[in-house]
Protein backbone atom coordinates (compact mmCIF):
# COMPACT_ATOMS: atom_id res chain seq x y z
CA MET A 1 200.91 115.71 123.83
CA THR A 2 199.71 113.70 120.95
CA ALA A 3 200.97 110.29 120.34
CA ALA A 4 202.67 109.48 117.10
CA PRO A 5 200.33 107.71 114.66
CA ASP A 6 200.71 103.98 114.40
CA PRO A 7 202.47 103.17 111.09
CA THR A 8 200.50 99.95 110.65
CA THR A 9 197.24 101.90 110.82
CA ASN A 10 198.45 104.27 108.12
CA VAL A 11 199.47 101.34 105.91
CA ALA A 12 196.10 99.65 106.44
CA VAL A 13 194.25 102.86 105.53
CA GLU A 14 196.35 103.36 102.42
CA LEU A 15 195.85 99.72 101.37
CA GLU A 16 192.08 100.13 101.78
CA LYS A 17 192.19 103.26 99.58
CA LEU A 18 194.18 101.37 96.96
CA ARG A 19 191.68 98.49 97.04
CA GLY A 20 188.84 100.94 96.49
CA GLU A 21 190.63 102.59 93.58
CA ILE A 22 191.47 99.21 92.06
CA ASN A 23 187.88 98.02 92.42
CA THR A 24 186.60 101.23 90.85
CA GLY A 25 189.08 100.85 87.98
CA LEU A 26 188.15 97.22 87.43
CA GLU A 27 184.44 98.06 87.37
CA SER A 28 185.16 100.76 84.81
CA ILE A 29 187.12 98.28 82.69
CA LYS A 30 184.28 95.73 82.97
CA GLY A 31 181.77 98.35 81.84
CA THR A 32 183.93 99.31 78.88
CA LEU A 33 184.41 95.66 77.94
CA ASN A 34 180.66 95.05 78.12
CA ILE A 35 180.10 97.96 75.75
CA LEU A 36 182.72 96.57 73.35
CA VAL A 37 181.17 93.10 73.48
CA GLU A 38 177.73 94.60 72.69
CA ARG A 39 179.15 96.57 69.77
CA THR A 40 180.94 93.49 68.46
CA THR A 41 177.74 91.46 68.68
CA ARG A 42 175.81 94.13 66.77
CA THR A 43 178.59 94.44 64.20
CA ASP A 44 178.65 90.68 63.66
CA ALA A 45 174.87 90.68 63.18
CA ASP A 46 175.13 93.59 60.73
CA VAL A 47 177.88 91.84 58.76
CA ALA A 48 175.84 88.62 58.61
CA ARG A 49 172.78 90.54 57.38
CA LEU A 50 174.82 92.42 54.78
CA ARG A 51 176.44 89.17 53.60
CA HIS A 52 173.01 87.58 53.20
CA ASP A 53 171.70 90.63 51.31
CA MET A 54 174.77 90.69 49.09
CA GLU A 55 174.48 86.99 48.30
CA SER A 56 170.80 87.44 47.45
CA ASP A 57 171.60 90.38 45.18
CA ASP A 58 174.47 88.43 43.64
CA GLN A 59 172.15 85.51 42.85
CA ALA A 60 169.57 87.86 41.33
CA ILE A 61 172.26 89.39 39.11
CA ARG A 62 173.47 85.92 38.06
CA ASP A 63 169.91 84.90 37.19
CA GLU A 64 169.38 88.08 35.17
CA LEU A 65 172.71 87.60 33.40
CA LYS A 66 171.75 84.04 32.47
CA THR A 67 168.49 85.34 31.02
CA VAL A 68 170.38 87.95 28.98
CA LYS A 69 172.88 85.35 27.75
CA ASP A 70 170.03 83.04 26.72
CA THR A 71 168.37 85.91 24.86
CA VAL A 72 171.61 86.75 23.05
CA GLU A 73 172.05 83.10 22.03
CA ASP A 74 168.47 83.03 20.72
CA LEU A 75 169.11 86.21 18.73
CA LYS A 76 172.29 84.71 17.27
CA LYS A 77 170.31 81.67 16.10
CA TRP A 78 167.68 83.89 14.52
CA ARG A 79 170.38 86.00 12.88
CA TRP A 80 171.76 82.99 11.00
CA LEU A 81 168.27 81.84 10.17
CA THR A 82 167.45 85.32 8.81
CA VAL A 83 170.68 85.42 6.79
CA GLY A 84 169.87 82.00 5.38
CA ALA A 85 166.30 83.03 4.54
CA ALA A 86 167.53 86.23 2.87
CA GLY A 87 169.99 84.20 0.82
CA ALA A 88 167.24 81.78 -0.21
CA VAL A 89 164.97 84.66 -1.20
CA GLY A 90 167.81 86.17 -3.22
CA VAL A 91 168.42 82.90 -5.05
CA ILE A 92 164.68 82.46 -5.73
CA ALA A 93 164.44 86.06 -6.95
CA SER A 94 167.43 85.54 -9.20
CA TYR A 95 165.83 82.44 -10.74
CA ALA A 96 162.53 84.27 -11.07
CA VAL A 97 164.21 87.17 -12.90
CA GLN A 98 166.00 84.73 -15.21
CA PHE A 99 162.76 82.81 -15.80
CA ILE A 100 160.83 85.99 -16.60
CA ALA A 101 163.61 87.31 -18.82
CA HIS A 102 163.58 84.23 -21.03
């Protein structure tokens, strides 16, 4: 006849199995978390690099825009100077025509 198994032995065996499963699960979670931390670190580095590139491009655009605005202002000044010169030439031509006609 076989003796009935000791219930405390069965409980101890089951607890050991549960510990093993828990440890395996925790190691899996740690591995997943390490992967997420690595991805986050890379993403943060990518975002920082993109921010730097964007700020550099933004500054280049601002510099170019300032140059264009300065050029437009210079052209506006020349426009009024040209209009004034054309008016002066017209007045001088008018006097010259009147002088020649008399």
